[in-house]
């Protein structure tokens, strides 16, 4: 019983995830290529889903754009470049390694490391300043004060 219920749910999900037949390309090879590209692009509305998984209207529009680019004879790299130029680097599920992305990911780590270094330096200076020695006159005065 549980197995049948799971299979029914899986079938319902696969039907829901299927693209609108009106959207599909007539050439099966082009449609297959489009289907391999869809998971590489992020739905800008859902943000954690690819345009292949999302049911948002914008995801549908992005699938249409990818299919149009394929029909126009563009390569996968050209399609990716077009999408990034139009929607920004965020549209890629796996952003490319660039100086901007490295700064974005490495910046917080650099701030923590610099802050830790400054804190260690400050604590070392405080320890060194706290161990001041007394000269002979000061020691004698302190001894008199403690005896009284």
C-alpha atoms as a PDB file:
ATOM      1  CA  UNK A   1       0.000   0.000   0.000  1.00  0.00           C
ATOM      2  CA  UNK A   2       2.741   2.436   0.989  1.00  0.00           C
ATOM      3  CA  UNK A   3       4.732   1.555  -2.106  1.00  0.00           C
ATOM      4  CA  UNK A   4       1.762   2.271  -4.388  1.00  0.00           C
ATOM      5  CA  UNK A   5       1.178   5.581  -2.673  1.00  0.00           C
ATOM      6  CA  UNK A   6       4.823   6.536  -3.145  1.00  0.00           C
ATOM      7  CA  UNK A   7       4.677   5.555  -6.833  1.00  0.00           C
ATOM      8  CA  UNK A   8       1.491   7.565  -7.323  1.00  0.00           C
ATOM      9  CA  UNK A   9       3.077  10.608  -5.690  1.00  0.00           C
ATOM     10  CA  UNK A  10       6.193  10.219  -7.852  1.00  0.00           C
ATOM     11  CA  UNK A  11       4.070   9.958 -10.989  1.00  0.00           C
ATOM     12  CA  UNK A  12       2.109  13.067 -10.026  1.00  0.00           C
ATOM     13  CA  UNK A  13       5.324  14.982  -9.420  1.00  0.00           C
ATOM     14  CA  UNK A  14       6.811  13.919 -12.745  1.00  0.00           C
ATOM     15  CA  UNK A  15       3.654  15.003 -14.563  1.00  0.00           C
ATOM     16  CA  UNK A  16       3.730  18.357 -12.767  1.00  0.00           C
ATOM     17  CA  UNK A  17       7.392  18.851 -13.656  1.00  0.00           C
ATOM     18  CA  UNK A  18       6.847  18.072 -17.324  1.00  0.00           C
ATOM     19  CA  UNK A  19       7.074  21.051 -19.615  1.00  0.00           C
ATOM     20  CA  UNK A  20       4.094  22.390 -21.483  1.00  0.00           C
ATOM     21  CA  UNK A  21       4.012  20.541 -24.825  1.00  0.00           C
ATOM     22  CA  UNK A  22       3.446  23.860 -26.604  1.00  0.00           C
ATOM     23  CA  UNK A  23       6.828  25.075 -25.308  1.00  0.00           C
ATOM     24  CA  UNK A  24       8.821  22.083 -26.512  1.00  0.00           C
ATOM     25  CA  UNK A  25      11.045  22.187 -29.560  1.00  0.00           C
ATOM     26  CA  UNK A  26      10.056  20.025 -32.514  1.00  0.00           C
ATOM     27  CA  UNK A  27      13.578  18.680 -32.953  1.00  0.00           C
ATOM     28  CA  UNK A  28      14.155  16.041 -30.213  1.00  0.00           C
ATOM     29  CA  UNK A  29      17.922  16.667 -30.225  1.00  0.00           C
ATOM     30  CA  UNK A  30      17.400  20.384 -29.623  1.00  0.00           C
ATOM     31  CA  UNK A  31      14.842  19.678 -26.899  1.00  0.00           C
ATOM     32  CA  UNK A  32      17.265  17.261 -25.222  1.00  0.00           C
ATOM     33  CA  UNK A  33      19.970  19.938 -25.355  1.00  0.00           C
ATOM     34  CA  UNK A  34      17.573  22.459 -23.812  1.00  0.00           C
ATOM     35  CA  UNK A  35      16.736  19.983 -21.045  1.00  0.00           C
ATOM     36  CA  UNK A  36      20.451  19.639 -20.215  1.00  0.00           C
ATOM     37  CA  UNK A  37      20.807  23.425 -20.034  1.00  0.00           C
ATOM     38  CA  UNK A  38      17.756  24.111 -17.845  1.00  0.00           C
ATOM     39  CA  UNK A  39      19.310  22.781 -14.589  1.00  0.00           C
ATOM     40  CA  UNK A  40      22.266  25.148 -15.078  1.00  0.00           C
ATOM     41  CA  UNK A  41      20.107  28.269 -14.721  1.00  0.00           C
ATOM     42  CA  UNK A  42      18.536  29.549 -11.505  1.00  0.00           C
ATOM     43  CA  UNK A  43      14.947  30.701 -11.269  1.00  0.00           C
ATOM     44  CA  UNK A  44      15.295  34.329 -10.235  1.00  0.00           C
ATOM     45  CA  UNK A  45      11.984  34.181  -8.361  1.00  0.00           C
ATOM     46  CA  UNK A  46      12.503  30.924  -6.443  1.00  0.00           C
ATOM     47  CA  UNK A  47      16.294  31.423  -6.127  1.00  0.00           C
ATOM     48  CA  UNK A  48      17.021  27.889  -4.906  1.00  0.00           C
ATOM     49  CA  UNK A  49      15.466  26.085  -7.839  1.00  0.00           C
ATOM     50  CA  UNK A  50      16.614  25.727 -11.386  1.00  0.00           C
ATOM     51  CA  UNK A  51      14.368  26.866 -14.201  1.00  0.00           C
ATOM     52  CA  UNK A  52      13.798  23.164 -14.869  1.00  0.00           C
ATOM     53  CA  UNK A  53      12.336  22.585 -11.398  1.00  0.00           C
ATOM     54  CA  UNK A  54      10.449  25.846 -10.962  1.00  0.00           C
ATOM     55  CA  UNK A  55       6.839  26.461 -11.913  1.00  0.00           C
ATOM     56  CA  UNK A  56       7.155  30.269 -11.674  1.00  0.00           C
ATOM     57  CA  UNK A  57       6.133  32.302 -14.706  1.00  0.00           C
ATOM     58  CA  UNK A  58       9.640  33.755 -14.972  1.00  0.00           C
ATOM     59  CA  UNK A  59      11.138  30.248 -15.060  1.00  0.00           C
ATOM     60  CA  UNK A  60       8.783  29.394 -17.912  1.00  0.00           C
ATOM     61  CA  UNK A  61       9.898  32.554 -19.736  1.00  0.00           C
ATOM     62  CA  UNK A  62      13.558  31.644 -19.180  1.00  0.00           C
ATOM     63  CA  UNK A  63      12.967  28.159 -20.582  1.00  0.00           C
ATOM     64  CA  UNK A  64      11.445  29.801 -23.665  1.00  0.00           C
ATOM     65  CA  UNK A  65      14.489  32.081 -23.979  1.00  0.00           C
ATOM     66  CA  UNK A  66      16.867  29.104 -23.789  1.00  0.00           C
ATOM     67  CA  UNK A  67      14.859  27.255 -26.429  1.00  0.00           C
ATOM     68  CA  UNK A  68      14.889  30.352 -28.677  1.00  0.00           C
ATOM     69  CA  UNK A  69      18.651  30.612 -28.289  1.00  0.00           C
ATOM     70  CA  UNK A  70      19.032  26.942 -29.253  1.00  0.00           C
ATOM     71  CA  UNK A  71      16.807  27.428 -32.295  1.00  0.00           C
ATOM     72  CA  UNK A  72      18.958  30.415 -33.287  1.00  0.00           C
ATOM     73  CA  UNK A  73      21.942  28.052 -33.437  1.00  0.00           C
ATOM     74  CA  UNK A  74      23.860  29.407 -30.452  1.00  0.00           C
ATOM     75  CA  UNK A  75      26.323  27.211 -28.563  1.00  0.00           C
ATOM     76  CA  UNK A  76      25.916  26.351 -24.878  1.00  0.00           C
ATOM     77  CA  UNK A  77      28.620  28.895 -23.958  1.00  0.00           C
ATOM     78  CA  UNK A  78      26.921  31.610 -26.006  1.00  0.00           C
ATOM     79  CA  UNK A  79      23.607  30.854 -24.310  1.00  0.00           C
ATOM     80  CA  UNK A  80      25.237  31.048 -20.859  1.00  0.00           C
ATOM     81  CA  UNK A  81      26.938  34.316 -21.776  1.00  0.00           C
ATOM     82  CA  UNK A  82      23.615  35.708 -23.068  1.00  0.00           C
ATOM     83  CA  UNK A  83      21.811  34.752 -19.870  1.00  0.00           C
ATOM     84  CA  UNK A  84      24.548  36.235 -17.644  1.00  0.00           C
ATOM     85  CA  UNK A  85      24.650  39.443 -19.703  1.00  0.00           C
ATOM     86  CA  UNK A  86      20.900  39.781 -19.461  1.00  0.00           C
ATOM     87  CA  UNK A  87      20.206  38.600 -15.881  1.00  0.00           C
ATOM     88  CA  UNK A  88      23.562  38.775 -14.110  1.00  0.00           C
ATOM     89  CA  UNK A  89      25.869  36.120 -12.676  1.00  0.00           C
ATOM     90  CA  UNK A  90      23.180  35.097 -10.173  1.00  0.00           C
ATOM     91  CA  UNK A  91      21.251  33.304 -12.936  1.00  0.00           C
ATOM     92  CA  UNK A  92      23.894  30.547 -12.982  1.00  0.00           C
ATOM     93  CA  UNK A  93      23.387  27.713 -10.504  1.00  0.00           C
ATOM     94  CA  UNK A  94      27.191  27.332 -10.372  1.00  0.00           C
ATOM     95  CA  UNK A  95      28.766  30.797 -10.783  1.00  0.00           C
ATOM     96  CA  UNK A  96      32.085  31.026 -12.584  1.00  0.00           C
ATOM     97  CA  UNK A  97      35.277  31.686 -10.658  1.00  0.00           C
ATOM     98  CA  UNK A  98      36.100  35.358 -11.046  1.00  0.00           C
ATOM     99  CA  UNK A  99      37.834  38.080  -9.069  1.00  0.00           C
ATOM    100  CA  UNK A 100      34.486  39.493  -7.946  1.00  0.00           C
ATOM    101  CA  UNK A 101      33.234  36.111  -6.732  1.00  0.00           C
ATOM    102  CA  UNK A 102      36.539  35.371  -5.005  1.00  0.00           C
ATOM    103  CA  UNK A 103      36.299  38.707  -3.162  1.00  0.00           C
ATOM    104  CA  UNK A 104      32.697  37.988  -2.245  1.00  0.00           C
ATOM    105  CA  UNK A 105      33.536  34.586  -0.751  1.00  0.00           C
ATOM    106  CA  UNK A 106      37.014  35.415   0.566  1.00  0.00           C
ATOM    107  CA  UNK A 107      36.176  38.843   1.999  1.00  0.00           C
ATOM    108  CA  UNK A 108      34.530  37.630   5.215  1.00  0.00           C
ATOM    109  CA  UNK A 109      37.388  35.198   5.836  1.00  0.00           C
ATOM    110  CA  UNK A 110      39.917  38.004   5.341  1.00  0.00           C
ATOM    111  CA  UNK A 111      38.007  40.229   7.781  1.00  0.00           C
ATOM    112  CA  UNK A 112      37.991  37.460  10.426  1.00  0.00           C
ATOM    113  CA  UNK A 113      41.715  36.777   9.955  1.00  0.00           C
ATOM    114  CA  UNK A 114      42.676  40.474  10.117  1.00  0.00           C
ATOM    115  CA  UNK A 115      40.421  40.992  13.158  1.00  0.00           C
ATOM    116  CA  UNK A 116      41.944  37.969  14.900  1.00  0.00           C
ATOM    117  CA  UNK A 117      45.449  39.221  14.176  1.00  0.00           C
ATOM    118  CA  UNK A 118      44.651  42.687  15.521  1.00  0.00           C
ATOM    119  CA  UNK A 119      43.060  41.191  18.640  1.00  0.00           C
ATOM    120  CA  UNK A 120      46.125  39.016  19.291  1.00  0.00           C
ATOM    121  CA  UNK A 121      48.408  42.035  18.820  1.00  0.00           C
ATOM    122  CA  UNK A 122      46.293  44.142  21.188  1.00  0.00           C
ATOM    123  CA  UNK A 123      46.272  41.416  23.857  1.00  0.00           C
ATOM    124  CA  UNK A 124      50.046  40.957  23.587  1.00  0.00           C
ATOM    125  CA  UNK A 125      50.636  44.698  24.017  1.00  0.00           C
ATOM    126  CA  UNK A 126      48.294  44.775  27.019  1.00  0.00           C
ATOM    127  CA  UNK A 127      50.189  41.900  28.680  1.00  0.00           C
ATOM    128  CA  UNK A 128      53.530  43.605  28.069  1.00  0.00           C
ATOM    129  CA  UNK A 129      52.281  46.925  29.458  1.00  0.00           C
ATOM    130  CA  UNK A 130      50.779  45.282  32.566  1.00  0.00           C
ATOM    131  CA  UNK A 131      54.129  43.957  33.841  1.00  0.00           C
ATOM    132  CA  UNK A 132      55.815  47.263  34.695  1.00  0.00           C
ATOM    133  CA  UNK A 133      58.611  47.019  37.282  1.00  0.00           C
ATOM    134  CA  UNK A 134      59.129  49.391  40.179  1.00  0.00           C
ATOM    135  CA  UNK A 135      62.359  51.233  40.805  1.00  0.00           C
ATOM    136  CA  UNK A 136      64.054  51.090  44.245  1.00  0.00           C
ATOM    137  CA  UNK A 137      62.338  54.222  45.611  1.00  0.00           C
ATOM    138  CA  UNK A 138      58.895  53.000  44.547  1.00  0.00           C
ATOM    139  CA  UNK A 139      59.494  49.585  46.111  1.00  0.00           C
ATOM    140  CA  UNK A 140      60.539  51.179  49.412  1.00  0.00           C
ATOM    141  CA  UNK A 141      57.454  53.429  49.415  1.00  0.00           C
ATOM    142  CA  UNK A 142      55.181  50.455  48.628  1.00  0.00           C
ATOM    143  CA  UNK A 143      56.771  48.460  51.461  1.00  0.00           C
ATOM    144  CA  UNK A 144      56.124  51.315  53.925  1.00  0.00           C
ATOM    145  CA  UNK A 145      52.483  51.597  52.773  1.00  0.00           C
ATOM    146  CA  UNK A 146      51.879  47.884  53.179  1.00  0.00           C
ATOM    147  CA  UNK A 147      53.416  47.880  56.704  1.00  0.00           C
ATOM    148  CA  UNK A 148      51.143  50.678  57.909  1.00  0.00           C
END
